[in-house]
Protein backbone atom coordinates (compact mmCIF):
# COMPACT_ATOMS: atom_id res chain seq x y z
CA MET A 1 -11.81 31.73 -9.11
CA ILE A 2 -10.20 28.93 -7.46
CA ASN A 3 -7.49 27.25 -9.96
CA THR A 4 -7.38 23.38 -8.83
CA GLU A 5 -5.16 22.76 -11.06
CA LYS A 6 -2.48 25.35 -10.87
CA ASP A 7 -2.74 25.06 -7.00
CA LEU A 8 -2.46 21.84 -7.42
CA PHE A 9 1.25 22.17 -9.81
CA LYS A 10 2.74 24.12 -6.97
CA MET A 11 2.41 21.04 -4.94
CA GLN A 12 4.30 18.87 -6.94
CA ASP A 13 6.98 16.26 -5.86
CA ILE A 14 9.05 14.85 -9.19
CA GLU A 15 10.14 12.21 -7.07
CA TYR A 16 7.35 11.55 -5.47
CA LYS A 17 5.42 11.46 -8.88
CA ALA A 18 8.35 8.98 -10.31
CA PHE A 19 7.20 6.36 -6.87
CA HIS A 20 3.55 6.64 -6.87
CA ALA A 21 3.40 6.05 -10.82
CA LYS A 22 4.42 2.29 -9.71
CA LEU A 23 1.74 1.66 -7.32
CA MET A 24 -0.73 2.69 -9.96
CA PRO A 25 -1.15 0.44 -12.68
CA THR A 26 -4.55 1.61 -13.86
CA VAL A 27 -3.54 5.25 -14.10
CA ASN A 28 -1.52 6.51 -17.55
CA PRO A 29 1.40 8.11 -15.59
CA ASP A 30 0.91 11.77 -17.69
CA THR A 31 -1.84 12.61 -16.04
CA ILE A 32 -0.65 11.77 -11.98
CA ILE A 33 1.19 15.51 -10.99
CA GLY A 34 2.68 13.82 -8.10
CA VAL A 35 1.17 15.33 -4.76
CA ARG A 36 1.75 13.93 -1.85
CA VAL A 37 -1.96 12.92 -0.26
CA PRO A 38 -1.72 14.93 3.00
CA LEU A 39 -1.33 18.10 0.90
CA VAL A 40 -4.37 17.21 -1.66
CA ARG A 41 -5.99 16.30 1.81
CA ALA A 42 -5.40 19.45 3.43
CA TYR A 43 -6.22 21.35 0.33
CA ALA A 44 -9.67 20.16 -0.03
CA LYS A 45 -10.05 20.99 3.56
CA LYS A 46 -9.16 24.83 2.57
CA ILE A 47 -11.32 25.13 -0.37
CA LYS A 48 -14.34 22.69 0.40
CA ASN A 49 -16.73 25.73 0.52
CA ASP A 50 -15.71 27.24 -3.03
CA ALA A 51 -15.30 23.86 -4.70
CA ASN A 52 -19.00 23.80 -6.86
CA ALA A 53 -17.38 24.88 -10.03
CA PHE A 54 -14.41 22.39 -9.79
CA LEU A 55 -16.92 19.47 -8.52
CA LYS A 56 -19.17 19.98 -11.91
CA THR A 57 -16.05 19.33 -13.83
CA LEU A 58 -15.79 16.01 -14.81
CA PRO A 59 -14.19 14.17 -15.98
CA HIS A 60 -10.83 15.61 -14.29
CA LYS A 61 -7.61 15.83 -16.23
CA TYR A 62 -5.59 14.73 -13.48
CA TYR A 63 -5.29 11.60 -11.25
CA GLU A 64 -4.83 14.21 -8.21
CA GLU A 65 -7.89 16.30 -9.31
CA ASN A 66 -9.75 12.58 -8.64
CA ASN A 67 -8.15 12.31 -5.23
CA LEU A 68 -9.92 16.09 -4.51
CA HIS A 69 -12.69 15.44 -5.87
CA ALA A 70 -12.92 12.00 -3.41
CA PHE A 71 -11.88 14.48 -0.40
CA LEU A 72 -14.21 17.06 -1.37
CA ILE A 73 -17.11 14.44 -1.36
CA SER A 74 -15.94 13.02 2.24
CA GLU A 75 -16.05 16.52 3.77
CA THR A 76 -19.67 16.80 2.67
CA ASN A 77 -22.11 17.22 5.97
CA ASP A 78 -25.24 17.15 4.16
CA TYR A 79 -26.03 12.84 3.35
CA HIS A 80 -28.13 13.62 0.44
CA LYS A 81 -26.02 16.26 -1.41
CA CYS A 82 -23.48 13.42 -0.73
CA ILE A 83 -25.32 10.50 -1.73
CA ASP A 84 -25.65 12.73 -5.41
CA MET A 85 -22.12 13.75 -5.25
CA LEU A 86 -20.77 10.34 -5.20
CA ASN A 87 -23.47 8.75 -7.50
CA GLU A 88 -21.94 11.64 -10.31
CA PHE A 89 -18.43 10.46 -9.39
CA LEU A 90 -17.75 6.88 -9.21
CA PRO A 91 -18.04 6.39 -12.47
CA PHE A 92 -14.84 7.86 -13.10
CA VAL A 93 -12.86 6.32 -10.53
CA ASP A 94 -10.36 5.02 -12.24
CA ASN A 95 -7.82 3.59 -9.56
CA TRP A 96 -7.96 2.02 -6.12
CA ALA A 97 -6.19 4.94 -4.21
CA THR A 98 -8.96 7.11 -5.08
CA CYS A 99 -11.82 5.01 -3.98
CA ASP A 100 -10.15 4.31 -0.86
CA GLY A 101 -10.02 7.56 -0.33
CA ILE A 102 -13.71 8.12 -0.49
CA ARG A 103 -14.65 8.30 3.39
CA PRO A 104 -17.53 10.48 3.75
CA LYS A 105 -17.89 11.66 7.51
CA CYS A 106 -21.95 11.90 7.09
CA PHE A 107 -22.13 7.83 6.88
CA LYS A 108 -21.91 7.32 10.06
CA TYR A 109 -24.82 9.22 11.35
CA ASN A 110 -26.86 7.79 8.44
CA LYS A 111 -26.52 3.71 8.49
CA LYS A 112 -29.78 2.95 7.06
CA ALA A 113 -29.97 4.92 4.48
CA LEU A 114 -26.16 4.23 3.37
CA LEU A 115 -27.15 0.38 3.45
CA ASN A 116 -29.52 0.88 0.79
CA GLU A 117 -26.92 2.96 -1.50
CA ILE A 118 -24.54 0.01 -0.92
CA LYS A 119 -26.74 -2.69 -1.99
CA ILE A 120 -27.44 -0.31 -5.11
CA TRP A 121 -23.41 -0.08 -5.40
CA LEU A 122 -22.49 -3.58 -5.49
CA ASN A 123 -24.75 -4.44 -8.36
CA SER A 124 -22.85 -1.95 -10.62
CA ARG A 125 -20.87 -2.92 -13.46
CA HIS A 126 -18.31 -0.73 -12.72
CA ILE A 127 -15.18 -1.97 -11.02
CA TYR A 128 -14.49 0.94 -8.34
CA THR A 129 -18.01 1.08 -7.61
CA VAL A 130 -18.12 -2.06 -6.23
CA ARG A 131 -14.73 -1.90 -4.70
CA PHE A 132 -16.32 0.92 -2.79
CA ALA A 133 -19.34 -0.39 -1.62
CA ILE A 134 -17.74 -3.59 0.23
CA GLU A 135 -15.39 -0.86 1.52
CA MET A 136 -18.49 0.82 3.07
CA LEU A 137 -19.67 -2.69 4.52
CA MET A 138 -16.54 -2.84 5.96
CA VAL A 139 -15.93 0.28 7.63
CA HIS A 140 -19.62 0.73 9.01
CA PHE A 141 -20.73 -2.47 9.19
CA LEU A 142 -18.44 -5.01 11.03
CA ASP A 143 -19.34 -3.28 14.59
CA ASP A 144 -22.19 -2.89 16.68
CA ASP A 145 -24.07 -2.45 13.25
CA PHE A 146 -22.57 -6.20 12.06
CA ASP A 147 -25.41 -8.64 10.66
CA GLU A 148 -23.90 -12.28 9.56
CA LYS A 149 -26.26 -11.66 6.18
CA TYR A 150 -23.57 -8.93 4.92
CA LEU A 151 -20.85 -11.41 4.86
CA LYS A 152 -23.04 -13.68 2.75
CA MET A 153 -23.85 -10.40 0.57
CA VAL A 154 -19.83 -9.79 0.10
CA SER A 155 -19.26 -13.80 -0.60
CA GLU A 156 -22.14 -13.76 -3.63
CA ILE A 157 -19.79 -11.21 -5.62
CA LYS A 158 -18.24 -13.38 -8.55
CA SER A 159 -15.67 -11.04 -10.19
CA ASP A 160 -12.37 -11.72 -12.46
CA GLU A 161 -11.49 -8.13 -11.61
CA TYR A 162 -8.15 -8.13 -9.13
CA TYR A 163 -9.27 -5.31 -7.16
CA ILE A 164 -12.30 -6.19 -6.79
CA ASN A 165 -11.36 -9.79 -4.91
CA MET A 166 -8.63 -7.83 -2.96
CA MET A 167 -11.17 -5.83 -1.87
CA ILE A 168 -13.43 -9.39 -1.06
CA ALA A 169 -10.05 -10.62 1.00
CA TRP A 170 -9.83 -7.25 3.05
CA TYR A 171 -13.26 -7.35 3.76
CA PHE A 172 -12.62 -10.73 5.16
CA ALA A 173 -9.39 -10.47 6.73
CA THR A 174 -11.31 -7.47 9.03
CA ALA A 175 -14.50 -9.75 9.45
CA LEU A 176 -12.08 -12.16 11.10
CA ALA A 177 -10.54 -9.96 13.47
CA LYS A 178 -14.04 -7.96 14.67
CA GLN A 179 -16.58 -10.96 14.05
CA TRP A 180 -14.46 -14.28 13.91
CA ASP A 181 -16.80 -16.55 14.85
CA CYS A 182 -19.60 -15.52 12.02
CA ALA A 183 -16.29 -14.91 9.64
CA VAL A 184 -14.33 -18.13 10.08
CA ASN A 185 -17.40 -19.86 8.52
CA TYR A 186 -16.60 -18.61 5.24
CA ILE A 187 -12.92 -19.77 5.58
CA GLU A 188 -13.35 -23.40 6.98
CA ASN A 189 -16.19 -24.77 4.37
CA PRO A 190 -14.60 -23.13 2.18
CA LEU A 191 -17.28 -20.40 0.38
CA LEU A 192 -14.44 -18.25 -1.18
CA PRO A 193 -13.04 -18.14 -4.46
CA ARG A 194 -9.43 -19.82 -4.30
CA TRP A 195 -7.56 -17.09 -4.68
CA VAL A 196 -10.13 -14.79 -2.19
CA HIS A 197 -9.61 -17.07 0.45
CA ASN A 198 -6.15 -17.29 0.45
CA LYS A 199 -5.76 -13.54 -0.13
CA THR A 200 -8.12 -13.68 3.07
CA ILE A 201 -5.61 -16.31 5.12
CA GLN A 202 -2.84 -14.27 4.30
CA LYS A 203 -4.43 -10.95 5.26
CA ALA A 204 -5.72 -12.27 8.80
CA ILE A 205 -2.57 -13.98 9.65
CA GLU A 206 -0.42 -10.64 9.11
CA SER A 207 -3.42 -8.55 11.27
CA TYR A 208 -2.13 -7.87 14.55
CA ARG A 209 -5.84 -7.67 15.22
CA VAL A 210 -6.19 -11.54 14.85
CA SER A 211 -5.13 -13.47 17.71
CA GLY A 212 -2.15 -16.15 17.91
CA GLU A 213 -4.36 -19.10 18.23
CA GLN A 214 -6.88 -17.90 15.41
CA LYS A 215 -3.92 -17.82 13.17
CA LYS A 216 -2.88 -21.22 13.91
CA ILE A 217 -6.59 -22.42 12.88
CA LEU A 218 -6.19 -20.05 9.76
CA LYS A 219 -2.57 -21.90 8.87
CA LYS A 220 -4.62 -25.10 9.21
CA ILE A 221 -7.36 -24.51 7.22
CA LYS A 222 -5.05 -22.83 3.98
CA LYS A 223 -2.88 -26.73 4.16
CA GLU A 224 -6.15 -28.61 4.38
CA ASN A 225 -8.63 -26.75 1.61
CA TYR A 226 -6.69 -24.68 -0.85
CA ARG A 227 -3.09 -24.40 -1.54
């Protein structure tokens, strides 16, 4: 039987633990083992066919166990099973890194069904469930499957939570890079809360995917609107 806790402690890096704990203010440092993400990801691939017992033991004690759970979900090829696993796990996600580590491979083949789940997640009262939903819209619905109504869906999210607002800004900054003509309307008007608006512009200006001319427009908008 796999002993995930024992295996994770074998990969512990104390110096990395101290560094990483500073990046995770919502996580109790005592629950951080100190395992580098690529090692946890590789371990997930190694045990994915024998991890059923681990996946059923929620909540987990350690931060890296949550990351391992996220990576195991991401490795799941069965879409419906993946959704069931996500709905069990998302309420226990307590930090941005674990949330952002959930990238199910099966989603790209199930866009229509995924969109229905995203709409449900967007209405959650749980911070990281909402963050995850926005991120899935960003990852899967800003290219060939884009529809302007998705911008509106995200713009209508009103929250005082930093990790939700940061994801909204990330979403719109990415939208400016990929769907400029539609996304810039939300900045020109402006239709986003001040903090989100300014953070969106900042992230877009820092992006290599936004052209120099577009960055000039964004800087002008920021100067004329929110300061």
